[in-house]
Amino acid sequence: MTEIPPRAPASPGAARRPPATSLRPPRALPLRKARAAAECTLLEQLPNIGPSLAGDLRLLGIKHPAELAERDAFQLYRALCTTTGKRHDPCVLDTFIAAVDFMRGGEPRPWWLYTAQRKIDHPGI
């Protein structure tokens, strides 16, 4: 009969540690992006808007996507720069333009499709 060699001793504390998978909470399903303004109830449902830009919009007092329909994207961008005390990348303005356009009934379009028009309307940014 062949003898099975003993296992190497585990590192101290290894036996007490639960598997890594049990340390993480279950991941939430990602929000579905809205296909039309009427479907949009959370800022994160806006096309091109993730958690970070949604937080920036909340910082500016925007609580519901419908509020964007009455706002000016350039003024939102300027307010964000002033509020945070730093100049944000111009793509943030492009994204605000895309979000405002969407909430005014526009198609969901990638933010970079607004860059050329932004460069014409706001050449100094």
C-alpha atoms as a PDB file:
ATOM      1  CA  MET A   1       0.000   0.000   0.000  1.00  0.00           C
ATOM      2  CA  THR A   2       1.323   3.445  -0.985  1.00  0.00           C
ATOM      3  CA  GLU A   3       1.452   6.047   1.685  1.00  0.00           C
ATOM      4  CA  ILE A   4      -0.008   9.502   0.931  1.00  0.00           C
ATOM      5  CA  PRO A   5       2.430  12.264   1.856  1.00  0.00           C
ATOM      6  CA  PRO A   6       1.166  14.768   4.449  1.00  0.00           C
ATOM      7  CA  ARG A   7      -0.050  18.161   3.279  1.00  0.00           C
ATOM      8  CA  ALA A   8       2.132  21.184   3.755  1.00  0.00           C
ATOM      9  CA  PRO A   9       0.956  23.254   6.699  1.00  0.00           C
ATOM     10  CA  ALA A  10      -1.249  26.173   5.751  1.00  0.00           C
ATOM     11  CA  SER A  11      -0.055  29.689   6.439  1.00  0.00           C
ATOM     12  CA  PRO A  12      -1.145  31.113   9.793  1.00  0.00           C
ATOM     13  CA  GLY A  13      -4.704  32.373   9.634  1.00  0.00           C
ATOM     14  CA  ALA A  14      -5.423  30.701   6.272  1.00  0.00           C
ATOM     15  CA  ALA A  15      -7.771  28.181   7.823  1.00  0.00           C
ATOM     16  CA  ARG A  16      -9.807  30.961   9.400  1.00  0.00           C
ATOM     17  CA  ARG A  17     -10.201  33.036   6.225  1.00  0.00           C
ATOM     18  CA  PRO A  18     -13.394  32.424   4.225  1.00  0.00           C
ATOM     19  CA  PRO A  19     -13.057  32.052   0.453  1.00  0.00           C
ATOM     20  CA  ALA A  20     -12.553  35.385  -1.325  1.00  0.00           C
ATOM     21  CA  THR A  21     -15.844  35.082  -3.175  1.00  0.00           C
ATOM     22  CA  SER A  22     -17.811  35.195   0.061  1.00  0.00           C
ATOM     23  CA  LEU A  23     -16.188  38.523   1.042  1.00  0.00           C
ATOM     24  CA  ARG A  24     -17.721  40.448  -1.853  1.00  0.00           C
ATOM     25  CA  PRO A  25     -21.359  41.485  -1.888  1.00  0.00           C
ATOM     26  CA  PRO A  26     -23.295  40.319  -4.916  1.00  0.00           C
ATOM     27  CA  ARG A  27     -22.957  42.661  -7.880  1.00  0.00           C
ATOM     28  CA  ALA A  28     -26.021  44.623  -8.844  1.00  0.00           C
ATOM     29  CA  LEU A  29     -27.234  44.342 -12.386  1.00  0.00           C
ATOM     30  CA  PRO A  30     -26.268  47.373 -14.454  1.00  0.00           C
ATOM     31  CA  LEU A  31     -29.025  49.867 -15.143  1.00  0.00           C
ATOM     32  CA  ARG A  32     -30.544  49.676 -18.583  1.00  0.00           C
ATOM     33  CA  LYS A  33     -29.929  52.868 -20.512  1.00  0.00           C
ATOM     34  CA  ALA A  34     -33.064  54.689 -21.599  1.00  0.00           C
ATOM     35  CA  ARG A  35     -33.941  54.650 -25.297  1.00  0.00           C
ATOM     36  CA  ALA A  36     -36.233  57.673 -24.954  1.00  0.00           C
ATOM     37  CA  ALA A  37     -36.460  60.578 -22.520  1.00  0.00           C
ATOM     38  CA  ALA A  38     -39.779  59.317 -21.119  1.00  0.00           C
ATOM     39  CA  GLU A  39     -38.083  56.078 -19.944  1.00  0.00           C
ATOM     40  CA  CYS A  40     -35.425  57.938 -17.983  1.00  0.00           C
ATOM     41  CA  THR A  41     -36.076  58.138 -14.244  1.00  0.00           C
ATOM     42  CA  LEU A  42     -32.499  58.063 -12.909  1.00  0.00           C
ATOM     43  CA  LEU A  43     -29.517  60.102 -14.067  1.00  0.00           C
ATOM     44  CA  GLU A  44     -27.529  56.894 -14.602  1.00  0.00           C
ATOM     45  CA  GLN A  45     -30.091  55.780 -17.190  1.00  0.00           C
ATOM     46  CA  LEU A  46     -29.124  58.666 -19.467  1.00  0.00           C
ATOM     47  CA  PRO A  47     -27.003  57.593 -22.441  1.00  0.00           C
ATOM     48  CA  ASN A  48     -23.333  58.476 -21.823  1.00  0.00           C
ATOM     49  CA  ILE A  49     -23.882  59.188 -18.103  1.00  0.00           C
ATOM     50  CA  GLY A  50     -22.255  56.862 -15.593  1.00  0.00           C
ATOM     51  CA  PRO A  51     -21.961  57.094 -11.818  1.00  0.00           C
ATOM     52  CA  SER A  52     -19.276  59.804 -11.874  1.00  0.00           C
ATOM     53  CA  LEU A  53     -21.071  62.259 -14.176  1.00  0.00           C
ATOM     54  CA  ALA A  54     -24.370  61.495 -12.445  1.00  0.00           C
ATOM     55  CA  GLY A  55     -22.646  62.563  -9.217  1.00  0.00           C
ATOM     56  CA  ASP A  56     -21.446  65.745 -10.906  1.00  0.00           C
ATOM     57  CA  LEU A  57     -24.992  66.539 -12.044  1.00  0.00           C
ATOM     58  CA  ARG A  58     -26.280  65.955  -8.507  1.00  0.00           C
ATOM     59  CA  LEU A  59     -23.563  68.263  -7.214  1.00  0.00           C
ATOM     60  CA  LEU A  60     -25.083  70.923  -9.486  1.00  0.00           C
ATOM     61  CA  GLY A  61     -28.553  70.306  -8.030  1.00  0.00           C
ATOM     62  CA  ILE A  62     -29.924  68.117 -10.840  1.00  0.00           C
ATOM     63  CA  LYS A  63     -31.935  65.347  -9.204  1.00  0.00           C
ATOM     64  CA  HIS A  64     -34.035  64.034 -12.097  1.00  0.00           C
ATOM     65  CA  PRO A  65     -33.144  63.673 -15.784  1.00  0.00           C
ATOM     66  CA  ALA A  66     -36.209  65.705 -16.826  1.00  0.00           C
ATOM     67  CA  GLU A  67     -34.593  68.792 -15.261  1.00  0.00           C
ATOM     68  CA  LEU A  68     -31.950  68.731 -18.007  1.00  0.00           C
ATOM     69  CA  ALA A  69     -34.486  69.604 -20.712  1.00  0.00           C
ATOM     70  CA  GLU A  70     -34.693  73.148 -19.334  1.00  0.00           C
ATOM     71  CA  ARG A  71     -30.968  73.587 -18.698  1.00  0.00           C
ATOM     72  CA  ASP A  72     -28.110  74.871 -20.836  1.00  0.00           C
ATOM     73  CA  ALA A  73     -25.267  72.349 -21.180  1.00  0.00           C
ATOM     74  CA  PHE A  74     -22.588  75.046 -21.376  1.00  0.00           C
ATOM     75  CA  GLN A  75     -23.861  76.688 -18.171  1.00  0.00           C
ATOM     76  CA  LEU A  76     -23.852  73.281 -16.443  1.00  0.00           C
ATOM     77  CA  TYR A  77     -20.243  72.744 -17.557  1.00  0.00           C
ATOM     78  CA  ARG A  78     -19.183  76.202 -16.312  1.00  0.00           C
ATOM     79  CA  ALA A  79     -20.998  75.642 -13.009  1.00  0.00           C
ATOM     80  CA  LEU A  80     -19.232  72.298 -12.565  1.00  0.00           C
ATOM     81  CA  CYS A  81     -15.828  73.903 -13.181  1.00  0.00           C
ATOM     82  CA  THR A  82     -16.641  76.697 -10.715  1.00  0.00           C
ATOM     83  CA  THR A  83     -18.107  74.391  -8.063  1.00  0.00           C
ATOM     84  CA  THR A  84     -15.198  71.949  -8.136  1.00  0.00           C
ATOM     85  CA  GLY A  85     -12.551  74.629  -8.606  1.00  0.00           C
ATOM     86  CA  LYS A  86     -10.995  72.926 -11.599  1.00  0.00           C
ATOM     87  CA  ARG A  87     -11.291  72.958 -15.372  1.00  0.00           C
ATOM     88  CA  HIS A  88     -12.904  69.748 -16.579  1.00  0.00           C
ATOM     89  CA  ASP A  89     -12.112  68.057 -19.849  1.00  0.00           C
ATOM     90  CA  PRO A  90     -14.178  69.432 -22.767  1.00  0.00           C
ATOM     91  CA  CYS A  91     -15.621  65.945 -23.312  1.00  0.00           C
ATOM     92  CA  VAL A  92     -17.650  66.583 -20.136  1.00  0.00           C
ATOM     93  CA  LEU A  93     -19.315  69.476 -21.964  1.00  0.00           C
ATOM     94  CA  ASP A  94     -19.912  67.196 -24.970  1.00  0.00           C
ATOM     95  CA  THR A  95     -21.555  64.685 -22.640  1.00  0.00           C
ATOM     96  CA  PHE A  96     -23.743  67.364 -21.051  1.00  0.00           C
ATOM     97  CA  ILE A  97     -24.778  68.529 -24.538  1.00  0.00           C
ATOM     98  CA  ALA A  98     -25.686  64.941 -25.439  1.00  0.00           C
ATOM     99  CA  ALA A  99     -27.714  64.504 -22.219  1.00  0.00           C
ATOM    100  CA  VAL A 100     -29.605  67.785 -22.656  1.00  0.00           C
ATOM    101  CA  ASP A 101     -30.328  66.970 -26.298  1.00  0.00           C
ATOM    102  CA  PHE A 102     -31.592  63.514 -25.346  1.00  0.00           C
ATOM    103  CA  MET A 103     -33.903  64.885 -22.660  1.00  0.00           C
ATOM    104  CA  ARG A 104     -35.287  67.363 -25.188  1.00  0.00           C
ATOM    105  CA  GLY A 105     -36.317  64.463 -27.406  1.00  0.00           C
ATOM    106  CA  GLY A 106     -33.132  63.746 -29.333  1.00  0.00           C
ATOM    107  CA  GLU A 107     -31.918  60.279 -30.222  1.00  0.00           C
ATOM    108  CA  PRO A 108     -29.480  58.561 -27.856  1.00  0.00           C
ATOM    109  CA  ARG A 109     -26.147  59.371 -29.527  1.00  0.00           C
ATOM    110  CA  PRO A 110     -22.555  58.925 -28.336  1.00  0.00           C
ATOM    111  CA  TRP A 111     -21.134  62.072 -26.724  1.00  0.00           C
ATOM    112  CA  TRP A 112     -18.282  62.340 -29.235  1.00  0.00           C
ATOM    113  CA  LEU A 113     -20.744  63.048 -32.028  1.00  0.00           C
ATOM    114  CA  TYR A 114     -21.298  66.433 -30.333  1.00  0.00           C
ATOM    115  CA  THR A 115     -17.602  67.390 -30.286  1.00  0.00           C
ATOM    116  CA  ALA A 116     -17.452  69.068 -33.719  1.00  0.00           C
ATOM    117  CA  GLN A 117     -20.448  71.296 -32.977  1.00  0.00           C
ATOM    118  CA  ARG A 118     -19.066  72.138 -29.513  1.00  0.00           C
ATOM    119  CA  LYS A 119     -15.796  73.248 -31.124  1.00  0.00           C
ATOM    120  CA  ILE A 120     -17.780  75.609 -33.399  1.00  0.00           C
ATOM    121  CA  ASP A 121     -20.077  76.947 -30.644  1.00  0.00           C
ATOM    122  CA  HIS A 122     -17.430  77.159 -27.895  1.00  0.00           C
ATOM    123  CA  PRO A 123     -13.995  77.409 -29.586  1.00  0.00           C
ATOM    124  CA  GLY A 124     -12.187  78.443 -26.407  1.00  0.00           C
ATOM    125  CA  ILE A 125     -13.067  75.309 -24.489  1.00  0.00           C
END
